[in-house]
Amino acid sequence: MSQTQIKLELGGRKITLVGTAHVSKESVEEVKETIKNIQPDCVAVELDEKRADSIKNPSRYSQLDLIKVLKRKEGFMLLANLILSSYQRRMGLNAGVKPGDEMIAAMNAAEEANIRCTLVDRPIQITLKRAWGKNSFWGKCKLFAMLLSSAFSKEEIEPEEIEKLKERNEMDSMMDELSESMPVIKKVLIDERDQYLASKIWESEGNNIVAVLGAGHLPGVQAHLEKLGAGSESSDVEEISQLPKPGIAGKILAFLIPACIIGLIVAGFIYGGVHAGAQILSTWFLWNAIPAALLTAIAFGHPLAILVGFVAAPFTSLCPFIGVGFCTAIVQALVCKPKISDMETLQDDVNLKGFYKNRILRTLLVFILSSIGSTLGTFIGGADIIGILSNIR
């Protein structure tokens, strides 16, 4: 049997899983041929509604409201989505296909044959937010580093290498490597979605189903479908369809750190007098202000955004409800309003030069870097304050 297809008979139903590489011309042809030959009752595709719309409507970013994105605290999610989609686009250049072409082919083939088509993937925003929310601080740093390396990578992948991604041994090796280096990411992006995809495929109408999904999901989806067919697993995926709830420790920490800093500043005035208190206060201000302003400047932020970063960082670091990145990015977006050309070239500009040329990407870079600067300043400034207090006799 082909490594790219798995045929299952479960509970009197036939389910054919077609594994694809998302930027493979061969996958596009295989999907069309499989649907034509099998003539299923239903075609299930590994897409959610927003991704399906984005694939069918490449000009969707022309309606992007950056201010609303920032207010909804989705700046990082937008950046991550752009980097991932841009990376896939670059992978597909040599193969002459765009990411998701095989999914479009599946939907078009189903429509032409008057076959029901269903979207079976978890919403991308839920997946990205779960991946971010469930990660530790160190895990978030590794994820951010991985995204940046993908954005600035100039690596070109030949079509032959892309086709290898559908081979079981190649895919198993990649999954093992991901599991070792970033276990939370693997769990959220692969394991949880395997369960979600299998559940939605199982709930699809019809007794003869063709499901089109990335080759990396084949083993996991097969295992879950077999459990569903045997009745040993429920198709209820409500638990993994929700945004992760902030842990009690995270909530406490968000208030505890500012409270400790304020306590240390007050202690400086009480035990060291006005001179020591003023020194501690200025130490805290400068350790937050300078890194936030400096990294905003490195992002080529507008002078007003740099000034806002300098002034706001010491105060937002003591407030659990708002970060300096929100302040600098809003100012950047208002002063340097994105143009229509920025929206039209958004995905193509996800590279080192584009981050500084495209006003949307530069605003997101201001958001990320100023936030990092303030975070670094909080920890270094806090440690410095403790050092000053320890010298007070």
Protein backbone atom coordinates (compact mmCIF):
# COMPACT_ATOMS: atom_id res chain seq x y z
CA MET A 1 0.00 0.00 0.00
CA SER A 2 1.17 3.55 -0.73
CA GLN A 3 2.77 5.36 2.20
CA THR A 4 0.56 8.34 1.40
CA GLN A 5 -2.77 6.51 1.77
CA ILE A 6 -4.39 4.48 4.52
CA LYS A 7 -7.67 2.64 3.89
CA LEU A 8 -9.81 1.80 6.92
CA GLU A 9 -13.06 -0.12 7.35
CA LEU A 10 -14.63 0.75 10.68
CA GLY A 11 -18.19 0.06 11.77
CA GLY A 12 -19.34 -0.58 8.22
CA ARG A 13 -17.80 2.66 6.98
CA LYS A 14 -14.89 3.13 4.59
CA ILE A 15 -12.42 5.91 5.37
CA THR A 16 -9.49 6.69 3.07
CA LEU A 17 -6.79 8.91 4.56
CA VAL A 18 -4.69 10.73 1.95
CA GLY A 19 -1.44 12.11 3.38
CA THR A 20 0.02 15.14 1.61
CA ALA A 21 2.95 17.52 1.71
CA HIS A 22 1.34 20.96 1.73
CA VAL A 23 3.54 22.30 -1.08
CA SER A 24 3.67 19.22 -3.31
CA LYS A 25 2.49 19.13 -6.93
CA GLU A 26 2.25 15.33 -6.70
CA SER A 27 -0.07 15.65 -3.70
CA VAL A 28 -2.39 17.92 -5.70
CA GLU A 29 -2.67 15.36 -8.48
CA GLU A 30 -3.04 12.43 -6.05
CA VAL A 31 -5.89 14.15 -4.22
CA LYS A 32 -7.82 14.84 -7.42
CA GLU A 33 -7.25 11.31 -8.72
CA THR A 34 -8.27 9.66 -5.45
CA ILE A 35 -11.56 11.58 -5.20
CA LYS A 36 -12.31 10.88 -8.86
CA ASN A 37 -11.68 7.14 -8.47
CA ILE A 38 -13.39 6.56 -5.12
CA GLN A 39 -16.36 8.94 -5.56
CA PRO A 40 -16.90 9.20 -1.78
CA ASP A 41 -19.99 10.41 0.05
CA CYS A 42 -17.92 13.08 1.77
CA VAL A 43 -14.51 14.76 1.42
CA ALA A 44 -12.92 15.93 4.68
CA VAL A 45 -10.05 18.43 4.47
CA GLU A 46 -7.50 19.55 7.06
CA LEU A 47 -8.67 23.15 7.19
CA ASP A 48 -10.72 25.37 9.46
CA GLU A 49 -13.04 28.08 8.17
CA LYS A 50 -10.54 30.95 8.48
CA ARG A 51 -7.71 29.05 6.78
CA ALA A 52 -10.04 27.88 4.02
CA ASP A 53 -11.11 31.47 3.44
CA SER A 54 -7.49 32.71 3.50
CA ILE A 55 -6.45 30.13 0.90
CA LYS A 56 -9.37 30.95 -1.39
CA ASN A 57 -9.04 34.70 -0.77
CA PRO A 58 -5.35 35.71 -0.99
CA SER A 59 -6.25 39.41 -0.71
CA ARG A 60 -7.76 38.94 2.78
CA TYR A 61 -5.06 41.07 4.40
CA SER A 62 -6.41 44.12 2.57
CA GLN A 63 -9.15 44.20 5.24
CA LEU A 64 -6.69 43.85 8.13
CA ASP A 65 -7.29 46.27 11.02
CA LEU A 66 -3.97 46.28 12.88
CA ILE A 67 -5.25 48.41 15.76
CA LYS A 68 -8.05 45.90 16.47
CA VAL A 69 -5.54 43.04 16.34
CA LEU A 70 -3.37 44.75 18.94
CA LYS A 71 -6.34 45.59 21.16
CA ARG A 72 -7.42 41.93 21.10
CA LYS A 73 -3.87 41.03 22.21
CA GLU A 74 -3.34 38.99 19.05
CA GLY A 75 -0.15 40.68 17.83
CA PHE A 76 2.05 37.65 18.45
CA MET A 77 -0.54 35.29 16.95
CA LEU A 78 -0.69 37.36 13.76
CA LEU A 79 3.09 37.43 13.52
CA ALA A 80 3.35 33.67 14.09
CA ASN A 81 0.68 32.99 11.47
CA LEU A 82 2.42 35.22 8.93
CA ILE A 83 5.81 33.60 9.51
CA LEU A 84 4.45 30.06 9.22
CA SER A 85 2.48 30.77 6.06
CA SER A 86 5.41 32.68 4.53
CA TYR A 87 7.76 29.79 5.26
CA GLN A 88 5.42 27.37 3.49
CA ARG A 89 5.12 29.74 0.54
CA ARG A 90 8.91 29.81 0.16
CA MET A 91 9.03 26.01 0.33
CA GLY A 92 6.55 25.78 -2.51
CA LEU A 93 8.30 28.21 -4.88
CA ASN A 94 10.58 25.59 -6.44
CA ALA A 95 7.73 23.09 -6.69
CA GLY A 96 5.52 25.59 -8.49
CA VAL A 97 2.67 25.30 -5.97
CA LYS A 98 1.26 27.39 -3.15
CA PRO A 99 0.56 26.13 0.38
CA GLY A 100 -2.86 24.52 0.53
CA ASP A 101 -3.15 23.87 -3.21
CA GLU A 102 -3.97 20.22 -2.48
CA MET A 103 -6.77 21.33 -0.13
CA ILE A 104 -8.18 23.63 -2.81
CA ALA A 105 -7.94 20.73 -5.27
CA ALA A 106 -9.88 18.52 -2.84
CA MET A 107 -12.62 21.13 -2.34
CA ASN A 108 -12.87 21.84 -6.08
CA ALA A 109 -12.99 18.13 -6.95
CA ALA A 110 -15.75 17.61 -4.39
CA GLU A 111 -17.74 20.57 -5.73
CA GLU A 112 -17.39 19.43 -9.34
CA ALA A 113 -18.64 15.94 -8.44
CA ASN A 114 -21.40 17.33 -6.20
CA ILE A 115 -19.86 15.64 -3.16
CA ARG A 116 -20.27 17.00 0.36
CA CYS A 117 -17.09 18.69 1.68
CA THR A 118 -16.39 19.28 5.36
CA LEU A 119 -13.65 21.20 7.19
CA VAL A 120 -12.22 19.11 10.02
CA ASP A 121 -9.29 21.04 11.50
CA ARG A 122 -9.23 22.99 14.76
CA PRO A 123 -9.29 26.80 14.33
CA ILE A 124 -5.71 28.03 13.83
CA GLN A 125 -6.04 30.74 16.49
CA ILE A 126 -7.02 28.14 19.12
CA THR A 127 -4.05 25.98 18.14
CA LEU A 128 -1.54 28.85 18.26
CA LYS A 129 -2.87 30.21 21.55
CA ARG A 130 -2.78 26.76 23.15
CA ALA A 131 0.79 26.27 21.92
CA TRP A 132 1.80 29.62 23.42
CA GLY A 133 -0.23 29.38 26.62
CA LYS A 134 0.86 25.86 27.55
CA ASN A 135 4.56 26.60 27.09
CA SER A 136 6.94 27.52 29.88
CA PHE A 137 8.90 30.77 29.69
CA TRP A 138 11.88 28.87 28.27
CA GLY A 139 9.57 27.06 25.84
CA LYS A 140 8.16 30.41 24.68
CA CYS A 141 11.72 31.66 24.07
CA LYS A 142 12.53 28.58 21.98
CA LEU A 143 9.29 28.94 20.03
CA PHE A 144 9.99 32.61 19.32
CA ALA A 145 13.56 31.80 18.26
CA MET A 146 12.25 29.07 15.95
CA LEU A 147 9.78 31.48 14.35
CA LEU A 148 12.45 34.14 13.82
CA SER A 149 14.85 31.65 12.27
CA SER A 150 12.05 30.56 9.90
CA ALA A 151 11.30 34.18 8.98
CA PHE A 152 14.90 35.07 8.17
CA SER A 153 15.92 31.73 6.66
CA LYS A 154 16.92 31.80 2.98
CA GLU A 155 17.04 28.02 2.71
CA GLU A 156 15.55 26.62 -0.48
CA ILE A 157 14.03 23.14 -0.53
CA GLU A 158 13.99 21.13 -3.74
CA PRO A 159 10.78 19.34 -4.85
CA GLU A 160 12.46 15.95 -4.22
CA GLU A 161 13.03 16.88 -0.58
CA ILE A 162 9.42 17.97 -0.22
CA GLU A 163 8.20 14.62 -1.50
CA LYS A 164 10.37 12.88 1.09
CA LEU A 165 8.28 14.55 3.78
CA LYS A 166 5.49 12.09 2.93
CA GLU A 167 7.68 9.05 3.66
CA ARG A 168 6.92 7.38 6.98
CA ASN A 169 10.53 6.97 8.18
CA GLU A 170 11.37 10.60 7.30
CA MET A 171 8.27 11.86 9.08
CA ASP A 172 8.84 9.65 12.14
CA SER A 173 12.36 11.05 12.46
CA MET A 174 11.05 14.62 12.33
CA MET A 175 8.33 13.90 14.91
CA ASP A 176 10.86 12.30 17.26
CA GLU A 177 13.14 15.32 16.95
CA LEU A 178 10.28 17.74 17.61
CA SER A 179 9.10 15.67 20.56
CA GLU A 180 12.54 15.85 22.16
CA SER A 181 13.24 19.54 21.54
CA MET A 182 9.75 21.02 21.98
CA PRO A 183 7.39 18.46 23.58
CA VAL A 184 4.58 20.98 24.27
CA ILE A 185 4.58 22.17 20.65
CA LYS A 186 4.46 18.59 19.40
CA LYS A 187 1.58 17.79 21.74
CA VAL A 188 -0.50 20.82 20.69
CA LEU A 189 0.34 21.00 16.98
CA ILE A 190 0.40 17.27 16.27
CA ASP A 191 -1.08 15.06 19.01
CA GLU A 192 -4.09 17.21 19.91
CA ARG A 193 -4.87 17.90 16.27
CA ASP A 194 -4.59 14.19 15.46
CA GLN A 195 -7.37 13.58 17.97
CA TYR A 196 -9.40 16.57 16.75
CA LEU A 197 -9.07 15.62 13.08
CA ALA A 198 -10.01 11.98 13.75
CA SER A 199 -13.06 13.07 15.75
CA LYS A 200 -14.34 15.41 13.05
CA ILE A 201 -13.66 12.87 10.28
CA TRP A 202 -15.57 10.28 12.30
CA GLU A 203 -18.50 12.67 12.73
CA SER A 204 -18.60 13.48 8.99
CA GLU A 205 -21.73 12.27 7.20
CA GLY A 206 -21.56 9.31 4.84
CA ASN A 207 -20.27 5.75 4.79
CA ASN A 208 -17.46 6.36 2.32
CA ILE A 209 -15.15 9.22 3.27
CA VAL A 210 -11.91 10.57 1.80
CA ALA A 211 -9.90 12.67 4.27
CA VAL A 212 -7.09 14.89 2.96
CA LEU A 213 -4.51 15.81 5.61
CA GLY A 214 -0.81 16.40 6.11
CA ALA A 215 1.26 13.21 6.01
CA GLY A 216 2.52 13.83 9.55
CA HIS A 217 -1.00 13.29 10.88
CA LEU A 218 -1.60 9.90 9.23
CA PRO A 219 -0.38 7.57 12.05
CA GLY A 220 -2.05 9.54 14.85
CA VAL A 221 -5.36 10.01 13.03
CA GLN A 222 -5.44 6.33 12.10
CA ALA A 223 -4.88 5.31 15.73
CA HIS A 224 -7.67 7.60 16.99
CA LEU A 225 -10.11 6.48 14.26
CA GLU A 226 -9.51 2.84 15.15
CA LYS A 227 -10.28 3.62 18.80
CA LEU A 228 -13.41 5.51 17.79
CA GLY A 229 -14.48 2.58 15.63
CA ALA A 230 -13.92 0.16 18.51
CA GLY A 231 -15.86 2.41 20.91
CA SER A 232 -12.89 2.80 23.25
CA GLU A 233 -12.61 6.56 22.67
CA SER A 234 -15.15 9.37 22.63
CA SER A 235 -15.45 11.82 19.74
CA ASP A 236 -15.94 14.66 22.25
CA VAL A 237 -13.04 17.10 21.77
CA GLU A 238 -14.44 19.99 23.79
CA GLU A 239 -11.47 19.96 26.17
CA ILE A 240 -8.89 20.55 23.42
CA SER A 241 -11.12 23.05 21.59
CA GLN A 242 -10.84 25.68 24.30
CA LEU A 243 -8.22 28.33 24.99
CA PRO A 244 -5.92 27.26 27.84
CA LYS A 245 -6.97 28.72 31.16
CA PRO A 246 -4.21 30.65 32.91
CA GLY A 247 -2.83 28.58 35.76
CA ILE A 248 -3.27 29.84 39.30
CA ALA A 249 0.51 30.14 39.62
CA GLY A 250 0.67 32.38 36.55
CA LYS A 251 -2.12 34.60 37.87
CA ILE A 252 -0.43 34.92 41.25
CA LEU A 253 2.95 35.63 39.65
CA ALA A 254 1.49 38.38 37.44
CA PHE A 255 0.53 40.30 40.60
CA LEU A 256 3.30 39.03 42.87
CA ILE A 257 6.24 40.38 40.84
CA PRO A 258 4.90 43.97 40.66
CA ALA A 259 3.94 43.79 44.35
CA CYS A 260 7.46 42.65 45.28
CA ILE A 261 9.05 45.42 43.21
CA ILE A 262 6.81 48.06 44.79
CA GLY A 263 7.61 46.59 48.21
CA LEU A 264 11.34 46.78 47.53
CA ILE A 265 11.08 50.42 46.43
CA VAL A 266 9.08 51.31 49.57
CA ALA A 267 11.60 49.40 51.72
CA GLY A 268 14.38 51.49 50.19
CA PHE A 269 12.74 54.71 51.35
CA ILE A 270 11.95 53.29 54.79
CA TYR A 271 15.33 51.75 55.61
CA GLY A 272 17.66 53.86 53.48
CA GLY A 273 15.99 57.23 53.53
CA VAL A 274 15.23 59.53 50.64
CA HIS A 275 18.65 59.13 49.01
CA ALA A 276 18.53 55.30 48.89
CA GLY A 277 14.85 55.34 47.90
CA ALA A 278 15.52 57.74 45.04
CA GLN A 279 18.46 55.60 43.89
CA ILE A 280 16.27 52.48 43.85
CA LEU A 281 13.48 54.31 42.05
CA SER A 282 15.81 55.65 39.36
CA THR A 283 17.45 52.21 39.02
CA TRP A 284 14.06 50.62 38.39
CA PHE A 285 13.04 53.35 35.95
CA LEU A 286 16.22 53.23 33.87
CA TRP A 287 16.53 49.43 33.78
CA ASN A 288 13.02 49.25 32.30
CA ALA A 289 13.07 52.38 30.19
CA ILE A 290 16.40 51.96 28.39
CA PRO A 291 16.03 48.34 27.12
CA ALA A 292 12.43 48.98 26.00
CA ALA A 293 13.40 52.19 24.16
CA LEU A 294 16.59 50.65 22.74
CA LEU A 295 14.84 47.60 21.31
CA THR A 296 12.06 49.80 19.92
CA ALA A 297 14.78 51.80 18.16
CA ILE A 298 16.35 48.55 16.85
CA ALA A 299 12.93 47.77 15.35
CA PHE A 300 13.16 51.19 13.60
CA GLY A 301 10.23 52.41 15.65
CA HIS A 302 9.08 56.00 15.19
CA PRO A 303 10.80 58.45 17.62
CA LEU A 304 7.45 58.93 19.37
CA ALA A 305 7.12 55.14 19.84
CA ILE A 306 10.67 55.06 21.25
CA LEU A 307 9.78 57.86 23.67
CA VAL A 308 6.58 56.06 24.71
CA GLY A 309 8.59 52.89 25.31
CA PHE A 310 11.06 54.79 27.49
CA VAL A 311 8.36 56.48 29.58
CA ALA A 312 5.77 53.69 29.77
CA ALA A 313 7.95 50.60 30.41
CA PRO A 314 8.68 51.30 34.13
CA PHE A 315 4.94 51.70 34.79
CA THR A 316 3.52 48.93 32.58
CA SER A 317 6.00 46.51 34.22
CA LEU A 318 4.11 47.12 37.46
CA CYS A 319 0.68 46.64 35.86
CA PRO A 320 -0.52 43.06 35.11
CA PHE A 321 -3.17 44.28 32.66
CA ILE A 322 -1.15 46.08 29.99
CA GLY A 323 2.31 45.69 28.51
CA VAL A 324 4.65 48.27 27.01
CA GLY A 325 4.48 46.45 23.66
CA PHE A 326 0.82 47.37 23.34
CA CYS A 327 1.62 51.06 24.00
CA THR A 328 4.55 51.28 21.57
CA ALA A 329 2.79 49.31 18.83
CA ILE A 330 -0.40 51.39 19.03
CA VAL A 331 1.64 54.60 18.74
CA GLN A 332 3.68 53.13 15.87
CA ALA A 333 0.51 52.07 14.02
CA LEU A 334 -1.13 55.46 14.50
CA VAL A 335 1.90 57.55 13.51
CA CYS A 336 3.06 55.29 10.66
CA LYS A 337 -0.29 54.09 9.35
CA PRO A 338 -0.04 50.98 7.13
CA LYS A 339 -0.62 51.59 3.44
CA ILE A 340 -2.60 49.41 1.06
CA SER A 341 0.71 48.32 -0.50
CA ASP A 342 1.84 47.03 2.92
CA MET A 343 -1.25 44.84 3.11
CA GLU A 344 -0.90 43.59 -0.45
CA THR A 345 2.73 42.49 0.02
CA LEU A 346 2.43 41.37 3.66
CA GLN A 347 3.21 37.68 3.21
CA ASP A 348 5.97 38.30 0.68
CA ASP A 349 7.68 40.76 3.04
CA VAL A 350 8.28 38.28 5.86
CA ASN A 351 12.07 38.51 5.68
CA LEU A 352 14.81 40.64 7.24
CA LYS A 353 14.43 43.53 4.79
CA GLY A 354 10.65 43.31 4.72
CA PHE A 355 10.28 43.63 8.49
CA TYR A 356 11.71 47.14 8.24
CA LYS A 357 10.07 48.10 4.93
CA ASN A 358 6.53 46.88 5.58
CA ARG A 359 4.72 49.09 8.10
CA ILE A 360 2.55 46.29 9.45
CA LEU A 361 5.51 44.01 10.08
CA ARG A 362 7.54 46.86 11.57
CA THR A 363 4.70 47.58 14.01
CA LEU A 364 4.63 43.91 15.05
CA LEU A 365 8.43 44.00 15.44
CA VAL A 366 8.11 47.10 17.66
CA PHE A 367 5.50 45.23 19.72
CA ILE A 368 7.68 42.14 20.19
CA LEU A 369 11.06 43.81 20.78
CA SER A 370 9.82 46.50 23.18
CA SER A 371 8.06 43.78 25.20
CA ILE A 372 11.27 41.75 25.36
CA GLY A 373 13.21 44.84 26.44
CA SER A 374 10.82 45.59 29.28
CA THR A 375 10.82 41.95 30.42
CA LEU A 376 14.62 41.88 30.55
CA GLY A 377 14.62 45.20 32.38
CA THR A 378 12.17 43.89 34.97
CA PHE A 379 14.37 40.95 35.97
CA ILE A 380 17.68 42.83 35.81
CA GLY A 381 16.25 45.89 37.54
CA GLY A 382 14.72 43.75 40.28
CA ALA A 383 18.03 42.00 40.90
CA ASP A 384 19.84 45.35 40.99
CA ILE A 385 17.37 46.73 43.54
CA ILE A 386 17.91 43.70 45.78
CA GLY A 387 21.65 44.32 45.55
CA ILE A 388 21.23 47.97 46.58
CA LEU A 389 18.99 47.03 49.52
CA SER A 390 21.46 44.40 50.74
CA ASN A 391 24.12 47.12 51.05
CA ILE A 392 21.89 49.32 53.18
CA ARG A 393 22.87 48.91 56.79
